[in-house]
Each structure stands twice: as C-alpha cells, then as structure tokens.
N, C-alpha and C. Protein backbone atom coordinates (compact mmCIF):
# COMPACT_ATOMS: atom_id res chain seq x y z
N MET A 1 47.99 -61.64 167.39
CA MET A 1 46.69 -61.86 166.79
C MET A 1 46.75 -63.18 166.04
N SER A 2 45.77 -64.02 166.27
CA SER A 2 45.75 -65.32 165.59
C SER A 2 45.29 -65.15 164.16
N LEU A 3 45.65 -66.09 163.33
CA LEU A 3 45.26 -66.07 161.92
C LEU A 3 43.75 -66.16 161.79
N ARG A 4 43.11 -66.99 162.62
CA ARG A 4 41.66 -67.14 162.56
C ARG A 4 40.97 -65.81 162.90
N PHE A 5 41.44 -65.12 163.94
CA PHE A 5 40.88 -63.83 164.33
C PHE A 5 41.07 -62.80 163.22
N ALA A 6 42.25 -62.76 162.64
CA ALA A 6 42.54 -61.80 161.57
C ALA A 6 41.63 -62.05 160.38
N PHE A 7 41.41 -63.33 160.02
CA PHE A 7 40.54 -63.66 158.90
C PHE A 7 39.10 -63.24 159.21
N SER A 8 38.65 -63.54 160.42
CA SER A 8 37.29 -63.20 160.84
C SER A 8 37.09 -61.68 160.83
N LEU A 9 38.07 -60.96 161.35
CA LEU A 9 38.00 -59.50 161.37
C LEU A 9 37.97 -58.94 159.96
N GLY A 10 38.81 -59.47 159.11
CA GLY A 10 38.85 -59.02 157.72
C GLY A 10 37.54 -59.27 157.00
N ALA A 11 36.97 -60.45 157.21
CA ALA A 11 35.69 -60.78 156.58
C ALA A 11 34.59 -59.87 157.08
N THR A 12 34.58 -59.59 158.38
CA THR A 12 33.58 -58.70 158.96
C THR A 12 33.70 -57.30 158.39
N LEU A 13 34.91 -56.81 158.29
CA LEU A 13 35.12 -55.47 157.73
C LEU A 13 34.69 -55.41 156.27
N MET A 14 35.00 -56.45 155.51
CA MET A 14 34.60 -56.47 154.11
C MET A 14 33.08 -56.50 153.98
N LEU A 15 32.43 -57.30 154.81
CA LEU A 15 30.97 -57.38 154.78
C LEU A 15 30.36 -56.03 155.16
N GLY A 16 30.91 -55.39 156.17
CA GLY A 16 30.42 -54.07 156.58
C GLY A 16 30.59 -53.06 155.48
N ALA A 17 31.70 -53.10 154.76
CA ALA A 17 31.92 -52.17 153.65
C ALA A 17 30.93 -52.44 152.53
N ALA A 18 30.64 -53.70 152.28
CA ALA A 18 29.71 -54.04 151.20
C ALA A 18 28.31 -53.55 151.53
N VAL A 19 27.92 -53.62 152.79
CA VAL A 19 26.59 -53.18 153.20
C VAL A 19 26.51 -51.66 153.16
N ALA A 20 27.59 -50.96 153.46
CA ALA A 20 27.57 -49.51 153.53
C ALA A 20 27.55 -48.85 152.17
N VAL A 21 27.98 -49.56 151.14
CA VAL A 21 28.03 -48.99 149.80
C VAL A 21 26.64 -49.04 149.19
N PRO A 22 26.12 -47.91 148.68
CA PRO A 22 24.80 -47.93 148.07
C PRO A 22 24.80 -48.74 146.78
N ALA A 23 23.67 -49.31 146.45
CA ALA A 23 23.55 -50.09 145.22
C ALA A 23 23.74 -49.19 144.02
N SER A 24 24.35 -49.73 142.99
CA SER A 24 24.57 -48.95 141.78
C SER A 24 23.25 -48.77 141.03
N ALA A 25 23.21 -47.76 140.17
CA ALA A 25 22.01 -47.51 139.37
C ALA A 25 21.68 -48.71 138.49
N GLU A 26 22.73 -49.39 138.00
CA GLU A 26 22.52 -50.56 137.16
C GLU A 26 21.80 -51.66 137.93
N THR A 27 22.20 -51.88 139.16
CA THR A 27 21.60 -52.91 139.99
C THR A 27 20.17 -52.55 140.33
N VAL A 28 19.93 -51.30 140.66
CA VAL A 28 18.58 -50.85 141.01
C VAL A 28 17.67 -50.96 139.79
N GLY A 29 18.13 -50.51 138.64
CA GLY A 29 17.32 -50.57 137.42
C GLY A 29 16.98 -51.99 137.03
N LEU A 30 17.98 -52.85 137.04
CA LEU A 30 17.75 -54.25 136.70
C LEU A 30 16.82 -54.89 137.73
N GLY A 31 17.00 -54.56 138.98
CA GLY A 31 16.12 -55.08 140.03
C GLY A 31 14.68 -54.67 139.82
N LEU A 32 14.46 -53.41 139.46
CA LEU A 32 13.10 -52.93 139.18
C LEU A 32 12.51 -53.67 137.98
N ALA A 33 13.32 -53.85 136.95
CA ALA A 33 12.85 -54.56 135.75
C ALA A 33 12.46 -56.00 136.10
N GLN A 34 13.25 -56.64 136.92
CA GLN A 34 12.95 -58.01 137.32
C GLN A 34 11.71 -58.06 138.22
N ALA A 35 11.61 -57.15 139.16
CA ALA A 35 10.49 -57.13 140.10
C ALA A 35 9.16 -56.84 139.41
N ASN A 36 9.20 -56.10 138.32
CA ASN A 36 7.97 -55.72 137.63
C ASN A 36 7.70 -56.56 136.39
N ASN A 37 8.38 -57.68 136.28
CA ASN A 37 8.19 -58.65 135.19
C ASN A 37 8.53 -58.12 133.80
N CYS A 38 9.33 -57.07 133.72
CA CYS A 38 9.76 -56.55 132.42
C CYS A 38 10.59 -57.59 131.67
N MET A 39 11.32 -58.41 132.44
CA MET A 39 12.22 -59.38 131.84
C MET A 39 11.48 -60.55 131.19
N SER A 40 10.16 -60.60 131.36
CA SER A 40 9.38 -61.62 130.67
C SER A 40 9.36 -61.37 129.17
N CYS A 41 9.43 -60.11 128.77
CA CYS A 41 9.37 -59.75 127.35
C CYS A 41 10.62 -59.04 126.83
N HIS A 42 11.47 -58.56 127.71
CA HIS A 42 12.66 -57.80 127.32
C HIS A 42 13.91 -58.40 127.95
N ARG A 43 15.03 -58.16 127.31
CA ARG A 43 16.36 -58.45 127.87
C ARG A 43 17.19 -57.20 127.64
N VAL A 44 18.30 -57.11 128.31
CA VAL A 44 19.15 -55.92 128.17
C VAL A 44 19.75 -55.85 126.78
N GLU A 45 20.30 -56.95 126.27
CA GLU A 45 21.06 -56.91 125.03
C GLU A 45 20.43 -57.65 123.85
N ARG A 46 19.28 -58.28 124.03
CA ARG A 46 18.70 -58.99 122.89
C ARG A 46 17.18 -58.90 122.90
N LYS A 47 16.61 -58.95 121.70
CA LYS A 47 15.17 -58.91 121.53
C LYS A 47 14.57 -60.24 121.99
N VAL A 48 13.44 -60.15 122.68
CA VAL A 48 12.68 -61.34 123.03
C VAL A 48 11.32 -61.13 122.39
N VAL A 49 10.29 -60.83 123.14
CA VAL A 49 9.00 -60.43 122.59
C VAL A 49 9.08 -58.95 122.22
N GLY A 50 9.61 -58.17 123.14
CA GLY A 50 9.82 -56.75 122.91
C GLY A 50 11.28 -56.49 122.61
N PRO A 51 11.59 -55.26 122.27
CA PRO A 51 12.97 -54.92 121.91
C PRO A 51 13.92 -55.00 123.11
N ALA A 52 15.20 -55.15 122.81
CA ALA A 52 16.22 -55.12 123.87
C ALA A 52 16.22 -53.73 124.49
N PHE A 53 16.46 -53.67 125.77
CA PHE A 53 16.55 -52.37 126.44
C PHE A 53 17.65 -51.51 125.82
N SER A 54 18.74 -52.13 125.41
CA SER A 54 19.84 -51.38 124.79
C SER A 54 19.39 -50.77 123.45
N ALA A 55 18.52 -51.45 122.70
CA ALA A 55 18.00 -50.91 121.44
C ALA A 55 17.08 -49.72 121.71
N ILE A 56 16.30 -49.80 122.78
CA ILE A 56 15.43 -48.69 123.16
C ILE A 56 16.29 -47.48 123.52
N ALA A 57 17.33 -47.72 124.31
CA ALA A 57 18.23 -46.63 124.71
C ALA A 57 18.88 -45.99 123.49
N GLU A 58 19.27 -46.80 122.54
CA GLU A 58 19.90 -46.27 121.33
C GLU A 58 18.92 -45.43 120.51
N ARG A 59 17.70 -45.91 120.37
CA ARG A 59 16.70 -45.18 119.58
C ARG A 59 16.38 -43.82 120.19
N PHE A 60 16.35 -43.75 121.52
CA PHE A 60 15.96 -42.51 122.19
C PHE A 60 17.15 -41.63 122.59
N ALA A 61 18.34 -42.02 122.23
CA ALA A 61 19.54 -41.24 122.58
C ALA A 61 19.41 -39.81 122.05
N GLY A 62 19.70 -38.86 122.91
CA GLY A 62 19.67 -37.45 122.52
C GLY A 62 18.29 -36.82 122.57
N ASN A 63 17.26 -37.57 122.87
CA ASN A 63 15.91 -37.06 122.94
C ASN A 63 15.66 -36.55 124.37
N ALA A 64 15.45 -35.26 124.50
CA ALA A 64 15.28 -34.66 125.83
C ALA A 64 14.01 -35.15 126.53
N ASP A 65 13.01 -35.55 125.79
CA ASP A 65 11.75 -36.01 126.37
C ASP A 65 11.68 -37.52 126.52
N ALA A 66 12.78 -38.20 126.29
CA ALA A 66 12.78 -39.67 126.25
C ALA A 66 12.32 -40.30 127.55
N ALA A 67 12.81 -39.84 128.68
CA ALA A 67 12.45 -40.47 129.96
C ALA A 67 10.94 -40.36 130.21
N ASP A 68 10.38 -39.19 129.95
CA ASP A 68 8.94 -39.02 130.14
C ASP A 68 8.15 -39.89 129.17
N SER A 69 8.58 -39.94 127.92
CA SER A 69 7.91 -40.74 126.91
C SER A 69 7.95 -42.23 127.25
N LEU A 70 9.12 -42.70 127.64
CA LEU A 70 9.24 -44.12 128.00
C LEU A 70 8.44 -44.45 129.25
N ALA A 71 8.46 -43.58 130.23
CA ALA A 71 7.69 -43.81 131.45
C ALA A 71 6.20 -43.92 131.13
N GLN A 72 5.72 -43.05 130.25
CA GLN A 72 4.31 -43.11 129.83
C GLN A 72 4.01 -44.42 129.11
N SER A 73 4.93 -44.86 128.25
CA SER A 73 4.74 -46.12 127.53
C SER A 73 4.73 -47.31 128.47
N ILE A 74 5.52 -47.25 129.51
CA ILE A 74 5.55 -48.35 130.48
C ILE A 74 4.20 -48.44 131.19
N VAL A 75 3.71 -47.33 131.68
CA VAL A 75 2.46 -47.34 132.45
C VAL A 75 1.24 -47.56 131.55
N ASN A 76 1.19 -46.86 130.40
CA ASN A 76 0.00 -46.89 129.55
C ASN A 76 0.05 -47.90 128.41
N GLY A 77 1.23 -48.47 128.15
CA GLY A 77 1.39 -49.37 127.01
C GLY A 77 1.59 -48.57 125.73
N SER A 78 1.88 -49.27 124.65
CA SER A 78 2.07 -48.62 123.36
C SER A 78 1.82 -49.61 122.23
N ARG A 79 1.65 -49.08 121.04
CA ARG A 79 1.40 -49.88 119.85
C ARG A 79 2.18 -49.36 118.67
N GLY A 80 2.73 -50.27 117.89
CA GLY A 80 3.31 -49.92 116.61
C GLY A 80 4.69 -49.30 116.62
N ARG A 81 5.26 -49.05 117.76
CA ARG A 81 6.59 -48.42 117.79
C ARG A 81 7.70 -49.41 117.43
N TRP A 82 7.50 -50.68 117.75
CA TRP A 82 8.55 -51.69 117.57
C TRP A 82 8.04 -52.88 116.78
N GLY A 83 6.98 -52.71 116.03
CA GLY A 83 6.45 -53.81 115.25
C GLY A 83 5.02 -54.11 115.65
N PRO A 84 4.53 -55.26 115.22
CA PRO A 84 3.11 -55.58 115.40
C PRO A 84 2.70 -55.96 116.82
N VAL A 85 3.63 -56.34 117.67
CA VAL A 85 3.27 -56.77 119.03
C VAL A 85 3.18 -55.54 119.94
N PRO A 86 1.99 -55.28 120.48
CA PRO A 86 1.85 -54.11 121.36
C PRO A 86 2.47 -54.37 122.74
N MET A 87 2.85 -53.29 123.39
CA MET A 87 3.30 -53.39 124.78
C MET A 87 2.06 -53.17 125.63
N PRO A 88 1.69 -54.15 126.44
CA PRO A 88 0.50 -53.97 127.27
C PRO A 88 0.73 -52.95 128.38
N ARG A 89 -0.33 -52.38 128.79
CA ARG A 89 -0.31 -51.43 129.91
C ARG A 89 0.22 -52.13 131.16
N GLN A 90 1.07 -51.43 131.89
CA GLN A 90 1.65 -51.96 133.13
C GLN A 90 1.14 -51.13 134.31
N ALA A 91 -0.13 -51.25 134.59
CA ALA A 91 -0.78 -50.44 135.62
C ALA A 91 -0.22 -50.68 137.01
N HIS A 92 0.42 -51.82 137.23
CA HIS A 92 1.00 -52.12 138.55
C HIS A 92 2.29 -51.36 138.80
N VAL A 93 2.85 -50.74 137.77
CA VAL A 93 4.09 -49.96 137.91
C VAL A 93 3.71 -48.52 138.24
N SER A 94 4.22 -48.02 139.34
CA SER A 94 3.92 -46.64 139.74
C SER A 94 4.62 -45.67 138.80
N PRO A 95 4.12 -44.44 138.69
CA PRO A 95 4.81 -43.44 137.86
C PRO A 95 6.26 -43.23 138.28
N LYS A 96 6.53 -43.28 139.58
CA LYS A 96 7.91 -43.12 140.07
C LYS A 96 8.79 -44.28 139.60
N GLU A 97 8.27 -45.51 139.71
CA GLU A 97 9.02 -46.67 139.24
C GLU A 97 9.20 -46.63 137.72
N ALA A 98 8.16 -46.22 137.00
CA ALA A 98 8.26 -46.14 135.54
C ALA A 98 9.33 -45.14 135.13
N ARG A 99 9.40 -44.03 135.82
CA ARG A 99 10.43 -43.01 135.54
C ARG A 99 11.82 -43.58 135.83
N ALA A 100 11.97 -44.29 136.95
CA ALA A 100 13.27 -44.89 137.29
C ALA A 100 13.66 -45.95 136.26
N LEU A 101 12.70 -46.76 135.83
CA LEU A 101 12.98 -47.75 134.79
C LEU A 101 13.40 -47.07 133.49
N ALA A 102 12.68 -46.02 133.11
CA ALA A 102 13.01 -45.30 131.88
C ALA A 102 14.41 -44.71 131.96
N GLN A 103 14.75 -44.12 133.07
CA GLN A 103 16.09 -43.54 133.22
C GLN A 103 17.17 -44.62 133.16
N TRP A 104 16.90 -45.77 133.76
CA TRP A 104 17.86 -46.87 133.70
C TRP A 104 18.03 -47.35 132.27
N ILE A 105 16.91 -47.55 131.58
CA ILE A 105 16.99 -48.00 130.19
C ILE A 105 17.82 -47.01 129.36
N LEU A 106 17.55 -45.73 129.51
CA LEU A 106 18.29 -44.72 128.75
C LEU A 106 19.77 -44.71 129.12
N SER A 107 20.09 -45.04 130.35
CA SER A 107 21.50 -45.05 130.78
C SER A 107 22.29 -46.16 130.11
N LEU A 108 21.61 -47.15 129.56
CA LEU A 108 22.30 -48.25 128.90
C LEU A 108 23.01 -47.80 127.63
N ASN A 109 22.65 -46.63 127.12
CA ASN A 109 23.31 -46.10 125.93
C ASN A 109 24.55 -45.28 126.28
N ASP A 110 24.75 -45.00 127.56
CA ASP A 110 25.92 -44.22 127.97
C ASP A 110 27.18 -45.05 127.82
N SER A 111 28.05 -44.61 126.96
CA SER A 111 29.33 -45.30 126.82
C SER A 111 30.33 -44.65 127.77
N PRO A 112 31.43 -45.35 128.09
CA PRO A 112 32.43 -44.75 128.96
C PRO A 112 32.95 -43.42 128.40
N ALA A 113 33.00 -43.27 127.10
CA ALA A 113 33.46 -42.02 126.51
C ALA A 113 32.51 -40.89 126.82
N ASP A 114 31.22 -41.19 126.97
CA ASP A 114 30.23 -40.16 127.31
C ASP A 114 30.43 -39.65 128.73
N LYS A 115 31.03 -40.44 129.58
CA LYS A 115 31.16 -40.09 130.99
C LYS A 115 32.46 -39.34 131.29
N VAL A 116 33.36 -39.26 130.33
CA VAL A 116 34.62 -38.56 130.54
C VAL A 116 34.41 -37.08 130.35
N GLU A 117 34.89 -36.28 131.29
CA GLU A 117 34.69 -34.84 131.20
C GLU A 117 35.85 -34.18 130.52
C-alpha cells in the first residue's frame, strides 16, 4: 500500500466518522442561538444588551419550570427581569425552537460534577 493511498484512506475514514457522529447539544444550541439572532444581544459568558446565557442558567438552576418559563420569554418577550431593557418578542422563533434554546441555556449551568453518577 502506498503512503499516498494510506493517507487518502485515513482521511476518508476520518471524514466519514465525523459525518456519522451526531452534533452535540452545545453545537445545536449555539447554532439555534446564532440562527435566530440571539447573539445580537446575548453572549454565552458575558453581558451585552441582555444577560449572559450562563447568568440566566445560574439564576434558573434548580427551577423545575425554568425551561417552560424561558421558552415563553423567548417567544413573548419579557420586561424587568434583568433590568430596564426589555427583551422583545421573538415571534419568528417557533415554540419547539424556543424550548430547545431554553434547554440549551439551562444546560450551561451543568458542571462536570453534576454529570457524575
């Protein structure tokens, strides 16, 4: 087997493995946030116009209704929860996408210690 063939075969196998692996929840959540323009006002780790997603996750940690509450806030907007700047209604975000975004945001509070059984 030639070196060129072995390299080509290895690269093909690696590419095939990368395609076969499903996207992680982090990638999907961040992708949804980017696609729906959430990143215009929010960042994962720092406040911009709105609070950091990590701060939202921290505030709602342990709240059983957090995902539903956040999903409602995404679609309908909110006022006064994080200061004087309201979150405008995001009518272009479907309820399913809002729920996925909310779950992703809440997952940002999961530390590795939380995942150990």
